[in-house]
Structures are given as C-alpha cells and as structure tokens.
PDB file of all heavy atoms in Angstrom:
ATOM      1  N   ARG A   1      57.217  71.921  11.571  1.00  0.00           N
ATOM      2  CA  ARG A   1      57.285  70.430  11.662  1.00  0.00           C
ATOM      3  C   ARG A   1      56.070  69.756  10.986  1.00  0.00           C
ATOM      4  O   ARG A   1      56.259  68.744  10.286  1.00  0.00           O
ATOM      5  CB  ARG A   1      57.357  70.026  13.125  1.00  0.00           C
ATOM      6  CG  ARG A   1      57.516  68.543  13.370  1.00  0.00           C
ATOM      7  CD  ARG A   1      57.848  68.251  14.828  1.00  0.00           C
ATOM      8  NE  ARG A   1      59.187  68.623  15.122  1.00  0.00           N
ATOM      9  CZ  ARG A   1      60.232  67.870  14.966  1.00  0.00           C
ATOM     10  NH1 ARG A   1      60.104  66.642  14.464  1.00  0.00           N
ATOM     11  NH2 ARG A   1      61.470  68.264  15.233  1.00  0.00           N
ATOM     12  N   GLU A   2      54.906  70.283  11.169  1.00  0.00           N
ATOM     13  CA  GLU A   2      53.671  69.702  10.539  1.00  0.00           C
ATOM     14  C   GLU A   2      53.795  69.841   9.017  1.00  0.00           C
ATOM     15  O   GLU A   2      53.447  68.899   8.335  1.00  0.00           O
ATOM     16  CB  GLU A   2      52.436  70.400  11.081  1.00  0.00           C
ATOM     17  CG  GLU A   2      52.069  70.098  12.491  1.00  0.00           C
ATOM     18  CD  GLU A   2      51.043  71.067  13.122  1.00  0.00           C
ATOM     19  OE1 GLU A   2      50.768  72.077  12.530  1.00  0.00           O
ATOM     20  OE2 GLU A   2      50.500  70.725  14.189  1.00  0.00           O
ATOM     21  N   ILE A   3      54.229  71.016   8.579  1.00  0.00           N
ATOM     22  CA  ILE A   3      54.267  71.202   7.103  1.00  0.00           C
ATOM     23  C   ILE A   3      55.294  70.240   6.506  1.00  0.00           C
ATOM     24  O   ILE A   3      55.071  69.718   5.410  1.00  0.00           O
ATOM     25  CB  ILE A   3      54.707  72.677   6.834  1.00  0.00           C
ATOM     26  CG1 ILE A   3      53.620  73.671   7.283  1.00  0.00           C
ATOM     27  CG2 ILE A   3      55.031  72.832   5.346  1.00  0.00           C
ATOM     28  CD1 ILE A   3      52.383  73.641   6.420  1.00  0.00           C
ATOM     29  N   TYR A   4      56.389  70.021   7.158  1.00  0.00           N
ATOM     30  CA  TYR A   4      57.458  69.158   6.606  1.00  0.00           C
ATOM     31  C   TYR A   4      57.121  67.694   6.670  1.00  0.00           C
ATOM     32  O   TYR A   4      57.235  66.992   5.684  1.00  0.00           O
ATOM     33  CB  TYR A   4      58.739  69.419   7.390  1.00  0.00           C
ATOM     34  CG  TYR A   4      59.942  68.710   6.778  1.00  0.00           C
ATOM     35  CD1 TYR A   4      60.630  69.243   5.718  1.00  0.00           C
ATOM     36  CD2 TYR A   4      60.387  67.456   7.299  1.00  0.00           C
ATOM     37  CE1 TYR A   4      61.723  68.569   5.136  1.00  0.00           C
ATOM     38  CE2 TYR A   4      61.455  66.817   6.749  1.00  0.00           C
ATOM     39  CZ  TYR A   4      62.113  67.335   5.682  1.00  0.00           C
ATOM     40  OH  TYR A   4      63.175  66.692   5.100  1.00  0.00           O
ATOM     41  N   PHE A   5      56.644  67.196   7.823  1.00  0.00           N
ATOM     42  CA  PHE A   5      56.456  65.783   8.056  1.00  0.00           C
ATOM     43  C   PHE A   5      55.028  65.323   7.615  1.00  0.00           C
ATOM     44  O   PHE A   5      54.890  64.096   7.272  1.00  0.00           O
ATOM     45  CB  PHE A   5      56.743  65.394   9.438  1.00  0.00           C
ATOM     46  CG  PHE A   5      58.201  65.331   9.787  1.00  0.00           C
ATOM     47  CD1 PHE A   5      58.777  66.250  10.629  1.00  0.00           C
ATOM     48  CD2 PHE A   5      59.025  64.432   9.218  1.00  0.00           C
ATOM     49  CE1 PHE A   5      60.083  66.292  10.952  1.00  0.00           C
ATOM     50  CE2 PHE A   5      60.376  64.340   9.487  1.00  0.00           C
ATOM     51  CZ  PHE A   5      60.935  65.306  10.377  1.00  0.00           C
ATOM     52  N   THR A   6      54.046  66.166   7.649  1.00  0.00           N
ATOM     53  CA  THR A   6      52.678  65.766   7.293  1.00  0.00           C
ATOM     54  C   THR A   6      52.064  66.702   6.282  1.00  0.00           C
ATOM     55  O   THR A   6      51.011  67.317   6.539  1.00  0.00           O
ATOM     56  CB  THR A   6      51.788  65.679   8.551  1.00  0.00           C
ATOM     57  OG1 THR A   6      51.787  66.955   9.268  1.00  0.00           O
ATOM     58  CG2 THR A   6      52.307  64.595   9.516  1.00  0.00           C
ATOM     59  N   PRO A   7      52.718  66.808   5.103  1.00  0.00           N
ATOM     60  CA  PRO A   7      52.056  67.651   4.045  1.00  0.00           C
ATOM     61  C   PRO A   7      50.743  67.090   3.631  1.00  0.00           C
ATOM     62  O   PRO A   7      50.527  65.845   3.630  1.00  0.00           O
ATOM     63  CB  PRO A   7      53.065  67.602   2.920  1.00  0.00           C
ATOM     64  CG  PRO A   7      53.785  66.282   3.124  1.00  0.00           C
ATOM     65  CD  PRO A   7      53.883  66.137   4.634  1.00  0.00           C
ATOM     66  N   GLN A   8      49.785  67.990   3.321  1.00  0.00           N
ATOM     67  CA  GLN A   8      48.448  67.559   3.014  1.00  0.00           C
ATOM     68  C   GLN A   8      48.211  67.476   1.483  1.00  0.00           C
ATOM     69  O   GLN A   8      47.117  67.155   1.050  1.00  0.00           O
ATOM     70  CB  GLN A   8      47.428  68.562   3.619  1.00  0.00           C
ATOM     71  CG  GLN A   8      47.439  68.480   5.154  1.00  0.00           C
ATOM     72  CD  GLN A   8      46.598  69.572   5.779  1.00  0.00           C
ATOM     73  OE1 GLN A   8      45.979  70.406   5.065  1.00  0.00           O
ATOM     74  NE2 GLN A   8      46.508  69.542   7.077  1.00  0.00           N
ATOM     75  N   SER A   9      49.235  67.738   0.722  1.00  0.00           N
ATOM     76  CA  SER A   9      49.121  67.644  -0.772  1.00  0.00           C
ATOM     77  C   SER A   9      50.441  67.339  -1.363  1.00  0.00           C
ATOM     78  O   SER A   9      51.540  67.570  -0.734  1.00  0.00           O
ATOM     79  CB  SER A   9      48.548  68.969  -1.335  1.00  0.00           C
ATOM     80  OG  SER A   9      49.545  69.977  -1.257  1.00  0.00           O
ATOM     81  N   ARG A  10      50.431  66.887  -2.570  1.00  0.00           N
ATOM     82  CA  ARG A  10      51.634  66.611  -3.322  1.00  0.00           C
ATOM     83  C   ARG A  10      52.439  67.918  -3.543  1.00  0.00           C
ATOM     84  O   ARG A  10      53.636  67.910  -3.441  1.00  0.00           O
ATOM     85  CB  ARG A  10      51.298  65.970  -4.628  1.00  0.00           C
ATOM     86  CG  ARG A  10      52.491  65.574  -5.467  1.00  0.00           C
ATOM     87  CD  ARG A  10      52.053  64.685  -6.604  1.00  0.00           C
ATOM     88  NE  ARG A  10      53.146  64.255  -7.437  1.00  0.00           N
ATOM     89  CZ  ARG A  10      53.105  63.265  -8.303  1.00  0.00           C
ATOM     90  NH1 ARG A  10      51.951  62.614  -8.469  1.00  0.00           N
ATOM     91  NH2 ARG A  10      54.153  62.901  -9.010  1.00  0.00           N
ATOM     92  N   PHE A  11      51.749  69.002  -3.816  1.00  0.00           N
ATOM     93  CA  PHE A  11      52.414  70.297  -4.001  1.00  0.00           C
ATOM     94  C   PHE A  11      53.260  70.643  -2.760  1.00  0.00           C
ATOM     95  O   PHE A  11      54.429  70.983  -2.878  1.00  0.00           O
ATOM     96  CB  PHE A  11      51.426  71.402  -4.329  1.00  0.00           C
ATOM     97  CG  PHE A  11      52.027  72.759  -4.249  1.00  0.00           C
ATOM     98  CD1 PHE A  11      52.777  73.269  -5.324  1.00  0.00           C
ATOM     99  CD2 PHE A  11      51.862  73.583  -3.173  1.00  0.00           C
ATOM    100  CE1 PHE A  11      53.416  74.527  -5.276  1.00  0.00           C
ATOM    101  CE2 PHE A  11      52.458  74.886  -3.042  1.00  0.00           C
ATOM    102  CZ  PHE A  11      53.230  75.281  -4.163  1.00  0.00           C
ATOM    103  N   VAL A  12      52.654  70.594  -1.584  1.00  0.00           N
ATOM    104  CA  VAL A  12      53.343  70.972  -0.312  1.00  0.00           C
ATOM    105  C   VAL A  12      54.540  70.009  -0.088  1.00  0.00           C
ATOM    106  O   VAL A  12      55.620  70.437   0.235  1.00  0.00           O
ATOM    107  CB  VAL A  12      52.371  70.952   0.858  1.00  0.00           C
ATOM    108  CG1 VAL A  12      53.127  71.234   2.149  1.00  0.00           C
ATOM    109  CG2 VAL A  12      51.319  72.020   0.663  1.00  0.00           C
ATOM    110  N   ALA A  13      54.326  68.723  -0.311  1.00  0.00           N
ATOM    111  CA  ALA A  13      55.344  67.727  -0.113  1.00  0.00           C
ATOM    112  C   ALA A  13      56.590  68.005  -1.016  1.00  0.00           C
ATOM    113  O   ALA A  13      57.743  67.932  -0.537  1.00  0.00           O
ATOM    114  CB  ALA A  13      54.844  66.340  -0.466  1.00  0.00           C
ATOM    115  N   GLU A  14      56.376  68.400  -2.235  1.00  0.00           N
ATOM    116  CA  GLU A  14      57.485  68.669  -3.159  1.00  0.00           C
ATOM    117  C   GLU A  14      58.052  70.032  -2.998  1.00  0.00           C
ATOM    118  O   GLU A  14      59.254  70.236  -3.264  1.00  0.00           O
ATOM    119  CB  GLU A  14      56.975  68.446  -4.596  1.00  0.00           C
ATOM    120  CG  GLU A  14      56.642  67.022  -4.867  1.00  0.00           C
ATOM    121  CD  GLU A  14      56.240  66.766  -6.371  1.00  0.00           C
ATOM    122  OE1 GLU A  14      55.364  67.403  -6.843  1.00  0.00           O
ATOM    123  OE2 GLU A  14      56.931  65.875  -6.993  1.00  0.00           O
ATOM    124  N   PHE A  15      57.282  70.994  -2.533  1.00  0.00           N
ATOM    125  CA  PHE A  15      57.809  72.336  -2.382  1.00  0.00           C
ATOM    126  C   PHE A  15      58.637  72.493  -1.087  1.00  0.00           C
ATOM    127  O   PHE A  15      59.629  73.286  -1.096  1.00  0.00           O
ATOM    128  CB  PHE A  15      56.636  73.386  -2.338  1.00  0.00           C
ATOM    129  CG  PHE A  15      57.078  74.794  -2.385  1.00  0.00           C
ATOM    130  CD1 PHE A  15      57.542  75.350  -3.545  1.00  0.00           C
ATOM    131  CD2 PHE A  15      57.090  75.595  -1.201  1.00  0.00           C
ATOM    132  CE1 PHE A  15      57.968  76.666  -3.615  1.00  0.00           C
ATOM    133  CE2 PHE A  15      57.532  76.905  -1.285  1.00  0.00           C
ATOM    134  CZ  PHE A  15      57.997  77.477  -2.442  1.00  0.00           C
ATOM    135  N   ILE A  16      58.298  71.765  -0.077  1.00  0.00           N
ATOM    136  CA  ILE A  16      59.054  71.866   1.210  1.00  0.00           C
ATOM    137  C   ILE A  16      60.070  70.723   1.289  1.00  0.00           C
ATOM    138  O   ILE A  16      59.709  69.570   1.526  1.00  0.00           O
ATOM    139  CB  ILE A  16      58.009  71.780   2.382  1.00  0.00           C
ATOM    140  CG1 ILE A  16      56.932  72.798   2.290  1.00  0.00           C
ATOM    141  CG2 ILE A  16      58.813  71.896   3.722  1.00  0.00           C
ATOM    142  CD1 ILE A  16      57.426  74.269   2.403  1.00  0.00           C
ATOM    143  N   GLY A  17      61.315  71.057   1.066  1.00  0.00           N
ATOM    144  CA  GLY A  17      62.353  70.023   1.242  1.00  0.00           C
ATOM    145  C   GLY A  17      62.393  69.035   0.051  1.00  0.00           C
ATOM    146  O   GLY A  17      61.577  69.083  -0.828  1.00  0.00           O
ATOM    147  N   ALA A  18      63.304  68.111   0.185  1.00  0.00           N
ATOM    148  CA  ALA A  18      63.418  67.038  -0.806  1.00  0.00           C
ATOM    149  C   ALA A  18      62.418  65.937  -0.477  1.00  0.00           C
ATOM    150  O   ALA A  18      62.188  65.639   0.727  1.00  0.00           O
ATOM    151  CB  ALA A  18      64.846  66.468  -0.826  1.00  0.00           C
ATOM    152  N   ALA A  19      61.804  65.364  -1.479  1.00  0.00           N
ATOM    153  CA  ALA A  19      60.789  64.327  -1.216  1.00  0.00           C
ATOM    154  C   ALA A  19      60.846  63.260  -2.364  1.00  0.00           C
ATOM    155  O   ALA A  19      60.957  63.623  -3.547  1.00  0.00           O
ATOM    156  CB  ALA A  19      59.434  64.916  -1.139  1.00  0.00           C
ATOM    157  N   ASN A  20      60.756  62.021  -2.000  1.00  0.00           N
ATOM    158  CA  ASN A  20      60.495  60.941  -2.984  1.00  0.00           C
ATOM    159  C   ASN A  20      58.993  60.755  -3.073  1.00  0.00           C
ATOM    160  O   ASN A  20      58.304  60.439  -2.118  1.00  0.00           O
ATOM    161  CB  ASN A  20      61.125  59.655  -2.503  1.00  0.00           C
ATOM    162  CG  ASN A  20      62.651  59.773  -2.456  1.00  0.00           C
ATOM    163  OD1 ASN A  20      63.291  59.911  -3.475  1.00  0.00           O
ATOM    164  ND2 ASN A  20      63.193  59.629  -1.290  1.00  0.00           N
ATOM    165  N   ILE A  21      58.411  61.006  -4.312  1.00  0.00           N
ATOM    166  CA  ILE A  21      57.050  60.863  -4.536  1.00  0.00           C
ATOM    167  C   ILE A  21      56.840  59.535  -5.331  1.00  0.00           C
ATOM    168  O   ILE A  21      57.447  59.353  -6.391  1.00  0.00           O
ATOM    169  CB  ILE A  21      56.468  62.028  -5.349  1.00  0.00           C
ATOM    170  CG1 ILE A  21      56.698  63.335  -4.599  1.00  0.00           C
ATOM    171  CG2 ILE A  21      54.904  61.844  -5.591  1.00  0.00           C
ATOM    172  CD1 ILE A  21      56.017  63.461  -3.235  1.00  0.00           C
ATOM    173  N   ILE A  22      56.000  58.673  -4.770  1.00  0.00           N
ATOM    174  CA  ILE A  22      55.809  57.326  -5.311  1.00  0.00           C
ATOM    175  C   ILE A  22      54.375  57.128  -5.680  1.00  0.00           C
ATOM    176  O   ILE A  22      53.457  57.413  -4.883  1.00  0.00           O
ATOM    177  CB  ILE A  22      56.221  56.249  -4.292  1.00  0.00           C
ATOM    178  CG1 ILE A  22      57.717  56.404  -3.910  1.00  0.00           C
ATOM    179  CG2 ILE A  22      55.958  54.854  -4.799  1.00  0.00           C
ATOM    180  CD1 ILE A  22      58.100  55.598  -2.722  1.00  0.00           C
ATOM    181  N   GLU A  23      54.100  56.612  -6.852  1.00  0.00           N
ATOM    182  CA  GLU A  23      52.793  56.169  -7.246  1.00  0.00           C
ATOM    183  C   GLU A  23      52.787  54.667  -7.358  1.00  0.00           C
ATOM    184  O   GLU A  23      53.545  54.057  -8.058  1.00  0.00           O
ATOM    185  CB  GLU A  23      52.380  56.783  -8.582  1.00  0.00           C
ATOM    186  CG  GLU A  23      52.262  58.302  -8.552  1.00  0.00           C
ATOM    187  CD  GLU A  23      51.886  58.914  -9.869  1.00  0.00           C
ATOM    188  OE1 GLU A  23      51.435  58.200 -10.757  1.00  0.00           O
ATOM    189  OE2 GLU A  23      52.116  60.160 -10.011  1.00  0.00           O
ATOM    190  N   SER A  24      51.942  53.965  -6.532  1.00  0.00           N
ATOM    191  CA  SER A  24      52.054  52.541  -6.388  1.00  0.00           C
ATOM    192  C   SER A  24      50.724  51.962  -5.973  1.00  0.00           C
ATOM    193  O   SER A  24      49.992  52.606  -5.224  1.00  0.00           O
ATOM    194  CB  SER A  24      53.121  52.222  -5.340  1.00  0.00           C
ATOM    195  OG  SER A  24      53.026  50.892  -4.911  1.00  0.00           O
ATOM    196  N   PRO A  25      50.428  50.704  -6.277  1.00  0.00           N
ATOM    197  CA  PRO A  25      49.337  50.049  -5.656  1.00  0.00           C
ATOM    198  C   PRO A  25      49.669  49.608  -4.256  1.00  0.00           C
ATOM    199  O   PRO A  25      50.892  49.537  -3.866  1.00  0.00           O
ATOM    200  CB  PRO A  25      49.120  48.794  -6.514  1.00  0.00           C
ATOM    201  CG  PRO A  25      50.426  48.564  -7.171  1.00  0.00           C
ATOM    202  CD  PRO A  25      51.073  49.897  -7.325  1.00  0.00           C
ATOM    203  N   ILE A  26      48.691  49.442  -3.390  1.00  0.00           N
ATOM    204  CA  ILE A  26      48.908  48.854  -2.045  1.00  0.00           C
ATOM    205  C   ILE A  26      48.238  47.503  -1.982  1.00  0.00           C
ATOM    206  O   ILE A  26      47.031  47.364  -2.301  1.00  0.00           O
ATOM    207  CB  ILE A  26      48.343  49.795  -0.972  1.00  0.00           C
ATOM    208  CG1 ILE A  26      49.157  51.088  -0.889  1.00  0.00           C
ATOM    209  CG2 ILE A  26      48.330  49.115   0.380  1.00  0.00           C
ATOM    210  CD1 ILE A  26      48.647  52.108   0.185  1.00  0.00           C
ATOM    211  N   GLU A  27      48.974  46.544  -1.527  1.00  0.00           N
ATOM    212  CA  GLU A  27      48.413  45.168  -1.319  1.00  0.00           C
ATOM    213  C   GLU A  27      48.708  44.737   0.099  1.00  0.00           C
ATOM    214  O   GLU A  27      49.886  44.655   0.521  1.00  0.00           O
ATOM    215  CB  GLU A  27      49.089  44.227  -2.311  1.00  0.00           C
ATOM    216  CG  GLU A  27      48.684  44.450  -3.757  1.00  0.00           C
ATOM    217  CD  GLU A  27      49.390  43.401  -4.687  1.00  0.00           C
ATOM    218  OE1 GLU A  27      50.080  42.514  -4.194  1.00  0.00           O
ATOM    219  OE2 GLU A  27      49.205  43.522  -5.950  1.00  0.00           O
TER     220      GLU A  27
END
C-alpha cells in the first residue's frame, strides 16, 4: 500500500501500476 499510494520517486510511481505524471507550477 505504501509503495503504491506514496511512492518516493518518479521511478517508483511509474514502475508500480499506472500513473499520470504531471509537471506543473503551483499557485
């Protein structure tokens, strides 16, 4: 559950399951 919902890197996020990766400013 931790690996899936709270990945600590972009690699883990994309390797575990499907993921939308967004690069964006925050305002």
